[in-house]
PDB file of all heavy atoms in Angstrom:
ATOM      1  N   VAL A   1       0.845  -1.205  -0.020  1.00  0.00           N
ATOM      2  CA  VAL A   1       0.011   0.011  -0.008  1.00  0.00           C
ATOM      3  C   VAL A   1       0.883   1.287   0.006  1.00  0.00           C
ATOM      4  O   VAL A   1       0.627   2.181  -0.729  1.00  0.00           O
ATOM      5  CB  VAL A   1      -0.965   0.019   1.190  1.00  0.00           C
ATOM      6  CG1 VAL A   1      -1.655   1.334   1.340  1.00  0.00           C
ATOM      7  CG2 VAL A   1      -1.981  -1.135   1.060  1.00  0.00           C
ATOM      8  N   GLY A   2       1.914   1.218   0.787  1.00  0.00           N
ATOM      9  CA  GLY A   2       2.816   2.371   0.862  1.00  0.00           C
ATOM     10  C   GLY A   2       3.505   2.618  -0.469  1.00  0.00           C
ATOM     11  O   GLY A   2       3.519   3.789  -0.931  1.00  0.00           O
ATOM     12  N   ALA A   3       4.068   1.602  -1.027  1.00  0.00           N
ATOM     13  CA  ALA A   3       4.832   1.766  -2.284  1.00  0.00           C
ATOM     14  C   ALA A   3       3.933   2.245  -3.414  1.00  0.00           C
ATOM     15  O   ALA A   3       4.211   3.140  -4.188  1.00  0.00           O
ATOM     16  CB  ALA A   3       5.514   0.470  -2.679  1.00  0.00           C
ATOM     17  N   ARG A   4       2.758   1.572  -3.537  1.00  0.00           N
ATOM     18  CA  ARG A   4       1.851   1.938  -4.635  1.00  0.00           C
ATOM     19  C   ARG A   4       1.234   3.335  -4.452  1.00  0.00           C
ATOM     20  O   ARG A   4       1.116   4.075  -5.435  1.00  0.00           O
ATOM     21  CB  ARG A   4       0.704   0.911  -4.711  1.00  0.00           C
ATOM     22  CG  ARG A   4      -0.070   1.085  -6.036  1.00  0.00           C
ATOM     23  CD  ARG A   4      -1.377   0.279  -6.009  1.00  0.00           C
ATOM     24  NE  ARG A   4      -2.141   0.736  -7.162  1.00  0.00           N
ATOM     25  CZ  ARG A   4      -2.873   1.883  -7.178  1.00  0.00           C
ATOM     26  NH1 ARG A   4      -2.878   2.639  -6.138  1.00  0.00           N
ATOM     27  NH2 ARG A   4      -3.535   2.170  -8.293  1.00  0.00           N
ATOM     28  N   SER A   5       0.867   3.717  -3.247  1.00  0.00           N
ATOM     29  CA  SER A   5       0.348   4.996  -3.017  1.00  0.00           C
ATOM     30  C   SER A   5       1.347   6.127  -3.328  1.00  0.00           C
ATOM     31  O   SER A   5       0.992   7.115  -3.937  1.00  0.00           O
ATOM     32  CB  SER A   5      -0.120   5.119  -1.530  1.00  0.00           C
ATOM     33  OG  SER A   5      -1.156   4.199  -1.262  1.00  0.00           O
ATOM     34  N   ALA A   6       2.566   5.888  -2.914  1.00  0.00           N
ATOM     35  CA  ALA A   6       3.655   6.814  -3.231  1.00  0.00           C
ATOM     36  C   ALA A   6       3.836   6.962  -4.714  1.00  0.00           C
ATOM     37  O   ALA A   6       3.976   8.068  -5.280  1.00  0.00           O
ATOM     38  CB  ALA A   6       4.947   6.368  -2.574  1.00  0.00           C
ATOM     39  N   ALA A   7       3.857   5.837  -5.426  1.00  0.00           N
ATOM     40  CA  ALA A   7       4.058   5.846  -6.872  1.00  0.00           C
ATOM     41  C   ALA A   7       2.955   6.629  -7.603  1.00  0.00           C
ATOM     42  O   ALA A   7       3.234   7.455  -8.486  1.00  0.00           O
ATOM     43  CB  ALA A   7       4.146   4.434  -7.425  1.00  0.00           C
ATOM     44  N   MET A   8       1.696   6.359  -7.244  1.00  0.00           N
ATOM     45  CA  MET A   8       0.563   7.029  -7.934  1.00  0.00           C
ATOM     46  C   MET A   8       0.517   8.494  -7.607  1.00  0.00           C
ATOM     47  O   MET A   8       0.290   9.355  -8.507  1.00  0.00           O
ATOM     48  CB  MET A   8      -0.747   6.341  -7.511  1.00  0.00           C
ATOM     49  CG  MET A   8      -0.946   4.982  -8.125  1.00  0.00           C
ATOM     50  SD  MET A   8      -0.958   5.001  -9.949  1.00  0.00           S
ATOM     51  CE  MET A   8      -2.384   6.025 -10.242  1.00  0.00           C
ATOM     52  N   ALA A   9       0.690   8.869  -6.336  1.00  0.00           N
ATOM     53  CA  ALA A   9       0.662  10.302  -5.960  1.00  0.00           C
ATOM     54  C   ALA A   9       1.808  11.067  -6.644  1.00  0.00           C
ATOM     55  O   ALA A   9       1.578  12.173  -7.157  1.00  0.00           O
ATOM     56  CB  ALA A   9       0.745  10.436  -4.439  1.00  0.00           C
ATOM     57  N   LEU A  10       2.945  10.475  -6.675  1.00  0.00           N
ATOM     58  CA  LEU A  10       4.106  11.153  -7.331  1.00  0.00           C
ATOM     59  C   LEU A  10       3.897  11.252  -8.842  1.00  0.00           C
ATOM     60  O   LEU A  10       4.140  12.306  -9.450  1.00  0.00           O
ATOM     61  CB  LEU A  10       5.396  10.340  -7.060  1.00  0.00           C
ATOM     62  CG  LEU A  10       6.688  10.940  -7.626  1.00  0.00           C
ATOM     63  CD1 LEU A  10       6.977  12.291  -7.044  1.00  0.00           C
ATOM     64  CD2 LEU A  10       7.859   9.952  -7.392  1.00  0.00           C
ATOM     65  N   ASN A  11       3.411  10.164  -9.485  1.00  0.00           N
ATOM     66  CA  ASN A  11       3.183  10.173 -10.894  1.00  0.00           C
ATOM     67  C   ASN A  11       2.160  11.273 -11.281  1.00  0.00           C
ATOM     68  O   ASN A  11       2.393  12.000 -12.256  1.00  0.00           O
ATOM     69  CB  ASN A  11       2.652   8.796 -11.357  1.00  0.00           C
ATOM     70  CG  ASN A  11       2.390   8.765 -12.854  1.00  0.00           C
ATOM     71  OD1 ASN A  11       3.306   8.716 -13.664  1.00  0.00           O
ATOM     72  ND2 ASN A  11       1.123   8.728 -13.224  1.00  0.00           N
ATOM     73  N   ASN A  12       1.063  11.381 -10.550  1.00  0.00           N
ATOM     74  CA  ASN A  12       0.049  12.354 -10.867  1.00  0.00           C
ATOM     75  C   ASN A  12       0.542  13.779 -10.657  1.00  0.00           C
ATOM     76  O   ASN A  12       0.136  14.699 -11.364  1.00  0.00           O
ATOM     77  CB  ASN A  12      -1.223  12.104 -10.046  1.00  0.00           C
ATOM     78  CG  ASN A  12      -1.965  10.833 -10.498  1.00  0.00           C
ATOM     79  OD1 ASN A  12      -1.769  10.348 -11.623  1.00  0.00           O
ATOM     80  ND2 ASN A  12      -2.747  10.252  -9.600  1.00  0.00           N
ATOM     81  N   CYS A  13       1.370  13.953  -9.660  1.00  0.00           N
ATOM     82  CA  CYS A  13       1.943  15.262  -9.407  1.00  0.00           C
ATOM     83  C   CYS A  13       2.922  15.694 -10.520  1.00  0.00           C
ATOM     84  O   CYS A  13       2.844  16.809 -11.032  1.00  0.00           O
ATOM     85  CB  CYS A  13       2.686  15.219  -8.079  1.00  0.00           C
ATOM     86  SG  CYS A  13       3.186  16.877  -7.475  1.00  0.00           S
ATOM     87  N   ILE A  14       3.768  14.787 -10.956  1.00  0.00           N
ATOM     88  CA  ILE A  14       4.762  15.068 -11.971  1.00  0.00           C
ATOM     89  C   ILE A  14       4.103  15.288 -13.341  1.00  0.00           C
ATOM     90  O   ILE A  14       4.517  16.135 -14.117  1.00  0.00           O
ATOM     91  CB  ILE A  14       5.805  13.961 -12.058  1.00  0.00           C
ATOM     92  CG1 ILE A  14       6.688  13.953 -10.772  1.00  0.00           C
ATOM     93  CG2 ILE A  14       6.692  14.115 -13.271  1.00  0.00           C
ATOM     94  CD1 ILE A  14       7.617  12.779 -10.677  1.00  0.00           C
ATOM     95  N   ASP A  15       3.047  14.519 -13.599  1.00  0.00           N
ATOM     96  CA  ASP A  15       2.375  14.627 -14.933  1.00  0.00           C
ATOM     97  C   ASP A  15       1.239  15.646 -14.925  1.00  0.00           C
ATOM     98  O   ASP A  15       0.524  15.717 -15.924  1.00  0.00           O
ATOM     99  CB  ASP A  15       1.784  13.250 -15.274  1.00  0.00           C
ATOM    100  CG  ASP A  15       2.786  12.347 -15.925  1.00  0.00           C
ATOM    101  OD1 ASP A  15       3.913  12.822 -16.265  1.00  0.00           O
ATOM    102  OD2 ASP A  15       2.482  11.149 -16.096  1.00  0.00           O
ATOM    103  N   LEU A  16       1.083  16.420 -13.894  1.00  0.00           N
ATOM    104  CA  LEU A  16      -0.048  17.332 -13.790  1.00  0.00           C
ATOM    105  C   LEU A  16      -0.176  18.299 -14.959  1.00  0.00           C
ATOM    106  O   LEU A  16      -1.271  18.565 -15.481  1.00  0.00           O
ATOM    107  CB  LEU A  16       0.028  18.137 -12.478  1.00  0.00           C
ATOM    108  CG  LEU A  16      -1.146  19.086 -12.197  1.00  0.00           C
ATOM    109  CD1 LEU A  16      -2.466  18.334 -12.214  1.00  0.00           C
ATOM    110  CD2 LEU A  16      -0.960  19.827 -10.890  1.00  0.00           C
ATOM    111  N   LYS A  17       0.946  18.813 -15.417  1.00  0.00           N
ATOM    112  CA  LYS A  17       0.910  19.799 -16.515  1.00  0.00           C
ATOM    113  C   LYS A  17       0.359  19.187 -17.792  1.00  0.00           C
ATOM    114  O   LYS A  17      -0.279  19.862 -18.621  1.00  0.00           O
ATOM    115  CB  LYS A  17       2.232  20.457 -16.750  1.00  0.00           C
ATOM    116  CG  LYS A  17       3.279  19.594 -17.421  1.00  0.00           C
ATOM    117  CD  LYS A  17       4.521  20.430 -17.735  1.00  0.00           C
ATOM    118  CE  LYS A  17       5.551  19.666 -18.548  1.00  0.00           C
ATOM    119  NZ  LYS A  17       6.721  20.504 -18.917  1.00  0.00           N
ATOM    120  N   TYR A  18       0.619  17.925 -18.001  1.00  0.00           N
ATOM    121  CA  TYR A  18       0.088  17.224 -19.164  1.00  0.00           C
ATOM    122  C   TYR A  18      -1.359  16.787 -18.923  1.00  0.00           C
ATOM    123  O   TYR A  18      -2.183  16.826 -19.838  1.00  0.00           O
ATOM    124  CB  TYR A  18       0.961  16.031 -19.513  1.00  0.00           C
ATOM    125  CG  TYR A  18       2.363  16.381 -20.000  1.00  0.00           C
ATOM    126  CD1 TYR A  18       3.454  16.077 -19.188  1.00  0.00           C
ATOM    127  CD2 TYR A  18       2.576  17.019 -21.207  1.00  0.00           C
ATOM    128  CE1 TYR A  18       4.729  16.408 -19.580  1.00  0.00           C
ATOM    129  CE2 TYR A  18       3.862  17.369 -21.601  1.00  0.00           C
ATOM    130  CZ  TYR A  18       4.913  17.069 -20.800  1.00  0.00           C
ATOM    131  OH  TYR A  18       6.200  17.398 -21.227  1.00  0.00           O
ATOM    132  N   ASP A  19      -1.648  16.333 -17.714  1.00  0.00           N
ATOM    133  CA  ASP A  19      -3.033  15.873 -17.437  1.00  0.00           C
ATOM    134  C   ASP A  19      -4.038  17.017 -17.612  1.00  0.00           C
ATOM    135  O   ASP A  19      -5.214  16.776 -17.994  1.00  0.00           O
ATOM    136  CB  ASP A  19      -3.087  15.363 -15.977  1.00  0.00           C
ATOM    137  CG  ASP A  19      -2.344  14.038 -15.834  1.00  0.00           C
ATOM    138  OD1 ASP A  19      -1.977  13.426 -16.861  1.00  0.00           O
ATOM    139  OD2 ASP A  19      -2.151  13.605 -14.692  1.00  0.00           O
ATOM    140  N   LYS A  20      -3.606  18.254 -17.319  1.00  0.00           N
ATOM    141  CA  LYS A  20      -4.490  19.374 -17.470  1.00  0.00           C
ATOM    142  C   LYS A  20      -4.847  19.649 -18.935  1.00  0.00           C
ATOM    143  O   LYS A  20      -5.877  20.259 -19.224  1.00  0.00           O
ATOM    144  CB  LYS A  20      -3.862  20.641 -16.890  1.00  0.00           C
ATOM    145  CG  LYS A  20      -3.839  20.629 -15.366  1.00  0.00           C
ATOM    146  CD  LYS A  20      -3.213  21.939 -14.813  1.00  0.00           C
ATOM    147  CE  LYS A  20      -3.331  22.018 -13.297  1.00  0.00           C
ATOM    148  NZ  LYS A  20      -2.699  23.311 -12.782  1.00  0.00           N
ATOM    149  N   LEU A  21      -4.021  19.142 -19.815  1.00  0.00           N
ATOM    150  CA  LEU A  21      -4.252  19.338 -21.278  1.00  0.00           C
ATOM    151  C   LEU A  21      -4.975  18.186 -21.909  1.00  0.00           C
ATOM    152  O   LEU A  21      -5.392  18.236 -23.092  1.00  0.00           O
ATOM    153  CB  LEU A  21      -2.912  19.562 -21.983  1.00  0.00           C
ATOM    154  CG  LEU A  21      -2.026  20.751 -21.496  1.00  0.00           C
ATOM    155  CD1 LEU A  21      -0.681  20.744 -22.178  1.00  0.00           C
ATOM    156  CD2 LEU A  21      -2.746  22.032 -21.747  1.00  0.00           C
ATOM    157  N   GLN A  22      -5.105  17.071 -21.165  1.00  0.00           N
ATOM    158  CA  GLN A  22      -5.710  15.871 -21.717  1.00  0.00           C
ATOM    159  C   GLN A  22      -7.192  15.787 -21.331  1.00  0.00           C
ATOM    160  O   GLN A  22      -7.512  15.664 -20.140  1.00  0.00           O
ATOM    161  CB  GLN A  22      -4.957  14.633 -21.155  1.00  0.00           C
ATOM    162  CG  GLN A  22      -5.518  13.307 -21.482  1.00  0.00           C
ATOM    163  CD  GLN A  22      -5.607  12.980 -22.946  1.00  0.00           C
ATOM    164  OE1 GLN A  22      -6.631  13.317 -23.579  1.00  0.00           O
ATOM    165  NE2 GLN A  22      -4.598  12.375 -23.496  1.00  0.00           N
ATOM    166  N   PRO A  23      -8.067  15.905 -22.293  1.00  0.00           N
ATOM    167  CA  PRO A  23      -9.536  15.903 -21.978  1.00  0.00           C
ATOM    168  C   PRO A  23      -9.992  14.687 -21.161  1.00  0.00           C
ATOM    169  O   PRO A  23     -10.926  14.780 -20.370  1.00  0.00           O
ATOM    170  CB  PRO A  23     -10.174  15.927 -23.354  1.00  0.00           C
ATOM    171  CG  PRO A  23      -9.172  16.589 -24.260  1.00  0.00           C
ATOM    172  CD  PRO A  23      -7.841  16.128 -23.698  1.00  0.00           C
ATOM    173  N   ARG A  24      -9.376  13.498 -21.447  1.00  0.00           N
ATOM    174  CA  ARG A  24      -9.823  12.305 -20.702  1.00  0.00           C
ATOM    175  C   ARG A  24      -9.537  12.378 -19.216  1.00  0.00           C
ATOM    176  O   ARG A  24     -10.142  11.661 -18.450  1.00  0.00           O
ATOM    177  CB  ARG A  24      -9.070  11.043 -21.274  1.00  0.00           C
ATOM    178  CG  ARG A  24      -9.655  10.576 -22.582  1.00  0.00           C
ATOM    179  CD  ARG A  24      -9.123   9.160 -22.891  1.00  0.00           C
ATOM    180  NE  ARG A  24      -7.724   9.105 -23.047  1.00  0.00           N
ATOM    181  CZ  ARG A  24      -6.919   8.465 -22.224  1.00  0.00           C
ATOM    182  NH1 ARG A  24      -7.391   7.852 -21.101  1.00  0.00           N
ATOM    183  NH2 ARG A  24      -5.612   8.431 -22.427  1.00  0.00           N
ATOM    184  N   PHE A  25      -8.622  13.275 -18.822  1.00  0.00           N
ATOM    185  CA  PHE A  25      -8.284  13.341 -17.408  1.00  0.00           C
ATOM    186  C   PHE A  25      -8.877  14.586 -16.711  1.00  0.00           C
ATOM    187  O   PHE A  25      -8.444  14.990 -15.650  1.00  0.00           O
ATOM    188  CB  PHE A  25      -6.738  13.453 -17.273  1.00  0.00           C
ATOM    189  CG  PHE A  25      -6.022  12.252 -17.869  1.00  0.00           C
ATOM    190  CD1 PHE A  25      -4.723  12.369 -18.302  1.00  0.00           C
ATOM    191  CD2 PHE A  25      -6.645  11.029 -18.011  1.00  0.00           C
ATOM    192  CE1 PHE A  25      -4.020  11.262 -18.845  1.00  0.00           C
ATOM    193  CE2 PHE A  25      -6.000   9.921 -18.527  1.00  0.00           C
ATOM    194  CZ  PHE A  25      -4.683  10.020 -18.955  1.00  0.00           C
ATOM    195  N   ALA A  26      -9.893  15.156 -17.321  1.00  0.00           N
ATOM    196  CA  ALA A  26     -10.472  16.380 -16.787  1.00  0.00           C
ATOM    197  C   ALA A  26     -11.032  16.206 -15.378  1.00  0.00           C
ATOM    198  O   ALA A  26     -11.071  17.200 -14.620  1.00  0.00           O
ATOM    199  CB  ALA A  26     -11.601  16.871 -17.739  1.00  0.00           C
ATOM    200  N   ASN A  27     -11.426  15.025 -15.012  1.00  0.00           N
ATOM    201  CA  ASN A  27     -12.029  14.790 -13.692  1.00  0.00           C
ATOM    202  C   ASN A  27     -11.063  14.295 -12.643  1.00  0.00           C
ATOM    203  O   ASN A  27     -11.484  13.949 -11.554  1.00  0.00           O
ATOM    204  CB  ASN A  27     -13.246  13.867 -13.827  1.00  0.00           C
ATOM    205  CG  ASN A  27     -14.380  14.429 -14.599  1.00  0.00           C
ATOM    206  OD1 ASN A  27     -14.676  15.624 -14.500  1.00  0.00           O
ATOM    207  ND2 ASN A  27     -15.007  13.588 -15.429  1.00  0.00           N
ATOM    208  N   ARG A  28      -9.821  14.185 -12.999  1.00  0.00           N
ATOM    209  CA  ARG A  28      -8.847  13.741 -12.027  1.00  0.00           C
ATOM    210  C   ARG A  28      -8.700  14.736 -10.876  1.00  0.00           C
ATOM    211  O   ARG A  28      -8.740  15.955 -11.124  1.00  0.00           O
ATOM    212  CB  ARG A  28      -7.452  13.471 -12.687  1.00  0.00           C
ATOM    213  CG  ARG A  28      -7.363  12.280 -13.558  1.00  0.00           C
ATOM    214  CD  ARG A  28      -5.988  11.924 -13.989  1.00  0.00           C
ATOM    215  NE  ARG A  28      -5.904  10.633 -14.610  1.00  0.00           N
ATOM    216  CZ  ARG A  28      -4.774  10.054 -15.032  1.00  0.00           C
ATOM    217  NH1 ARG A  28      -3.631  10.712 -14.902  1.00  0.00           N
ATOM    218  NH2 ARG A  28      -4.770   8.875 -15.605  1.00  0.00           N
ATOM    219  N   PRO A  29      -8.633  14.257  -9.609  1.00  0.00           N
ATOM    220  CA  PRO A  29      -8.615  15.189  -8.472  1.00  0.00           C
ATOM    221  C   PRO A  29      -7.568  16.264  -8.536  1.00  0.00           C
ATOM    222  O   PRO A  29      -7.846  17.390  -8.119  1.00  0.00           O
ATOM    223  CB  PRO A  29      -8.363  14.223  -7.329  1.00  0.00           C
ATOM    224  CG  PRO A  29      -8.942  12.912  -7.754  1.00  0.00           C
ATOM    225  CD  PRO A  29      -8.624  12.820  -9.221  1.00  0.00           C
ATOM    226  N   MET A  30      -6.404  15.983  -9.049  1.00  0.00           N
ATOM    227  CA  MET A  30      -5.357  16.999  -9.149  1.00  0.00           C
ATOM    228  C   MET A  30      -5.657  18.031 -10.221  1.00  0.00           C
ATOM    229  O   MET A  30      -5.275  19.183 -10.139  1.00  0.00           O
ATOM    230  CB  MET A  30      -3.975  16.441  -9.321  1.00  0.00           C
ATOM    231  CG  MET A  30      -3.457  15.679  -8.059  1.00  0.00           C
ATOM    232  SD  MET A  30      -1.692  15.370  -8.082  1.00  0.00           S
ATOM    233  CE  MET A  30      -1.110  17.062  -7.806  1.00  0.00           C
ATOM    234  N   VAL A  31      -6.328  17.590 -11.285  1.00  0.00           N
ATOM    235  CA  VAL A  31      -6.705  18.497 -12.375  1.00  0.00           C
ATOM    236  C   VAL A  31      -7.781  19.411 -11.928  1.00  0.00           C
ATOM    237  O   VAL A  31      -7.756  20.627 -12.239  1.00  0.00           O
ATOM    238  CB  VAL A  31      -7.150  17.689 -13.615  1.00  0.00           C
ATOM    239  CG1 VAL A  31      -7.672  18.611 -14.737  1.00  0.00           C
ATOM    240  CG2 VAL A  31      -5.993  16.813 -14.168  1.00  0.00           C
ATOM    241  N   THR A  32      -8.778  18.913 -11.192  1.00  0.00           N
ATOM    242  CA  THR A  32      -9.884  19.764 -10.709  1.00  0.00           C
ATOM    243  C   THR A  32      -9.488  20.614  -9.530  1.00  0.00           C
ATOM    244  O   THR A  32     -10.166  21.574  -9.189  1.00  0.00           O
ATOM    245  CB  THR A  32     -11.041  18.880 -10.257  1.00  0.00           C
ATOM    246  OG1 THR A  32     -10.669  18.048  -9.149  1.00  0.00           O
ATOM    247  CG2 THR A  32     -11.519  17.961 -11.403  1.00  0.00           C
ATOM    248  N   GLY A  33      -8.347  20.288  -8.863  1.00  0.00           N
ATOM    249  CA  GLY A  33      -7.903  21.077  -7.741  1.00  0.00           C
ATOM    250  C   GLY A  33      -8.343  20.471  -6.403  1.00  0.00           C
ATOM    251  O   GLY A  33      -8.059  21.029  -5.377  1.00  0.00           O
ATOM    252  N   ALA A  34      -9.053  19.346  -6.459  1.00  0.00           N
ATOM    253  CA  ALA A  34      -9.499  18.710  -5.214  1.00  0.00           C
ATOM    254  C   ALA A  34      -8.299  18.240  -4.387  1.00  0.00           C
ATOM    255  O   ALA A  34      -8.398  18.164  -3.153  1.00  0.00           O
ATOM    256  CB  ALA A  34     -10.443  17.537  -5.544  1.00  0.00           C
ATOM    257  N   VAL A  35      -7.216  17.901  -5.074  1.00  0.00           N
ATOM    258  CA  VAL A  35      -5.968  17.556  -4.401  1.00  0.00           C
ATOM    259  C   VAL A  35      -4.913  18.528  -4.877  1.00  0.00           C
ATOM    260  O   VAL A  35      -4.669  18.657  -6.070  1.00  0.00           O
ATOM    261  CB  VAL A  35      -5.550  16.109  -4.715  1.00  0.00           C
ATOM    262  CG1 VAL A  35      -4.156  15.833  -4.178  1.00  0.00           C
ATOM    263  CG2 VAL A  35      -6.544  15.119  -4.140  1.00  0.00           C
ATOM    264  N   LYS A  36      -4.252  19.231  -3.910  1.00  0.00           N
ATOM    265  CA  LYS A  36      -3.231  20.166  -4.254  1.00  0.00           C
ATOM    266  C   LYS A  36      -1.883  19.451  -4.436  1.00  0.00           C
ATOM    267  O   LYS A  36      -1.635  18.410  -3.828  1.00  0.00           O
ATOM    268  CB  LYS A  36      -3.105  21.243  -3.154  1.00  0.00           C
ATOM    269  CG  LYS A  36      -4.428  21.889  -2.799  1.00  0.00           C
ATOM    270  CD  LYS A  36      -4.986  22.660  -3.942  1.00  0.00           C
ATOM    271  CE  LYS A  36      -6.290  23.357  -3.554  1.00  0.00           C
ATOM    272  NZ  LYS A  36      -6.964  24.047  -4.712  1.00  0.00           N
ATOM    273  N   PRO A  37      -0.980  20.031  -5.288  1.00  0.00           N
ATOM    274  CA  PRO A  37       0.341  19.402  -5.453  1.00  0.00           C
ATOM    275  C   PRO A  37       1.058  19.168  -4.162  1.00  0.00           C
ATOM    276  O   PRO A  37       1.699  18.114  -3.958  1.00  0.00           O
ATOM    277  CB  PRO A  37       1.048  20.419  -6.349  1.00  0.00           C
ATOM    278  CG  PRO A  37      -0.046  21.032  -7.153  1.00  0.00           C
ATOM    279  CD  PRO A  37      -1.169  21.156  -6.179  1.00  0.00           C
ATOM    280  N   TRP A  38       1.005  20.127  -3.234  1.00  0.00           N
ATOM    281  CA  TRP A  38       1.752  19.968  -1.979  1.00  0.00           C
ATOM    282  C   TRP A  38       1.157  18.837  -1.133  1.00  0.00           C
ATOM    283  O   TRP A  38       1.918  18.139  -0.397  1.00  0.00           O
ATOM    284  CB  TRP A  38       1.759  21.251  -1.150  1.00  0.00           C
ATOM    285  CG  TRP A  38       0.443  21.695  -0.558  1.00  0.00           C
ATOM    286  CD1 TRP A  38      -0.474  22.544  -1.105  1.00  0.00           C
ATOM    287  CD2 TRP A  38      -0.107  21.245   0.717  1.00  0.00           C
ATOM    288  NE1 TRP A  38      -1.548  22.635  -0.268  1.00  0.00           N
ATOM    289  CE2 TRP A  38      -1.356  21.916   0.851  1.00  0.00           C
ATOM    290  CE3 TRP A  38       0.331  20.416   1.720  1.00  0.00           C
ATOM    291  CZ2 TRP A  38      -2.138  21.726   1.953  1.00  0.00           C
ATOM    292  CZ3 TRP A  38      -0.489  20.255   2.843  1.00  0.00           C
ATOM    293  CH2 TRP A  38      -1.686  20.869   2.963  1.00  0.00           C
ATOM    294  N   GLU A  39      -0.138  18.587  -1.288  1.00  0.00           N
ATOM    295  CA  GLU A  39      -0.798  17.459  -0.591  1.00  0.00           C
ATOM    296  C   GLU A  39      -0.296  16.154  -1.174  1.00  0.00           C
ATOM    297  O   GLU A  39      -0.068  15.189  -0.472  1.00  0.00           O
ATOM    298  CB  GLU A  39      -2.300  17.591  -0.693  1.00  0.00           C
ATOM    299  CG  GLU A  39      -2.873  18.784   0.029  1.00  0.00           C
ATOM    300  CD  GLU A  39      -4.349  18.953  -0.199  1.00  0.00           C
ATOM    301  OE1 GLU A  39      -4.903  18.441  -1.251  1.00  0.00           O
ATOM    302  OE2 GLU A  39      -5.025  19.561   0.627  1.00  0.00           O
ATOM    303  N   ALA A  40      -0.204  16.125  -2.489  1.00  0.00           N
ATOM    304  CA  ALA A  40       0.267  14.896  -3.127  1.00  0.00           C
ATOM    305  C   ALA A  40       1.688  14.541  -2.742  1.00  0.00           C
ATOM    306  O   ALA A  40       2.066  13.440  -2.544  1.00  0.00           O
ATOM    307  CB  ALA A  40       0.170  15.025  -4.667  1.00  0.00           C
ATOM    308  N   ILE A  41       2.529  15.626  -2.671  1.00  0.00           N
ATOM    309  CA  ILE A  41       3.914  15.444  -2.259  1.00  0.00           C
ATOM    310  C   ILE A  41       3.981  14.922  -0.811  1.00  0.00           C
ATOM    311  O   ILE A  41       4.794  14.045  -0.484  1.00  0.00           O
ATOM    312  CB  ILE A  41       4.739  16.715  -2.409  1.00  0.00           C
ATOM    313  CG1 ILE A  41       4.859  17.085  -3.926  1.00  0.00           C
ATOM    314  CG2 ILE A  41       6.119  16.582  -1.817  1.00  0.00           C
ATOM    315  CD1 ILE A  41       5.421  18.421  -4.202  1.00  0.00           C
ATOM    316  N   LEU A  42       3.184  15.486   0.044  1.00  0.00           N
ATOM    317  CA  LEU A  42       3.173  15.057   1.444  1.00  0.00           C
ATOM    318  C   LEU A  42       2.704  13.627   1.535  1.00  0.00           C
ATOM    319  O   LEU A  42       3.276  12.848   2.328  1.00  0.00           O
ATOM    320  CB  LEU A  42       2.174  15.974   2.219  1.00  0.00           C
ATOM    321  CG  LEU A  42       2.196  15.798   3.718  1.00  0.00           C
ATOM    322  CD1 LEU A  42       3.578  16.095   4.316  1.00  0.00           C
ATOM    323  CD2 LEU A  42       1.147  16.716   4.389  1.00  0.00           C
ATOM    324  N   LEU A  43       1.707  13.254   0.748  1.00  0.00           N
ATOM    325  CA  LEU A  43       1.240  11.859   0.740  1.00  0.00           C
ATOM    326  C   LEU A  43       2.318  10.900   0.225  1.00  0.00           C
ATOM    327  O   LEU A  43       2.499   9.814   0.775  1.00  0.00           O
ATOM    328  CB  LEU A  43      -0.037  11.727  -0.116  1.00  0.00           C
ATOM    329  CG  LEU A  43      -0.602  10.274  -0.219  1.00  0.00           C
ATOM    330  CD1 LEU A  43      -0.982   9.741   1.154  1.00  0.00           C
ATOM    331  CD2 LEU A  43      -1.823  10.275  -1.137  1.00  0.00           C
ATOM    332  N   THR A  44       3.033  11.372  -0.776  1.00  0.00           N
ATOM    333  CA  THR A  44       4.167  10.592  -1.315  1.00  0.00           C
ATOM    334  C   THR A  44       5.181  10.295  -0.266  1.00  0.00           C
ATOM    335  O   THR A  44       5.630   9.136  -0.092  1.00  0.00           O
ATOM    336  CB  THR A  44       4.826  11.311  -2.493  1.00  0.00           C
ATOM    337  OG1 THR A  44       3.849  11.478  -3.571  1.00  0.00           O
ATOM    338  CG2 THR A  44       5.979  10.477  -3.048  1.00  0.00           C
TER     339      THR A  44
END
């Protein structure tokens, strides 16, 4: 759980600038702002 959660949170944080441009990812929590980058880093 720890390894996978870290991997996903980090991946979504690093790819955020691309995810914001990808229509399929419009509802992702980091794209909508429901999860802030600093929160994702803290979770990582």
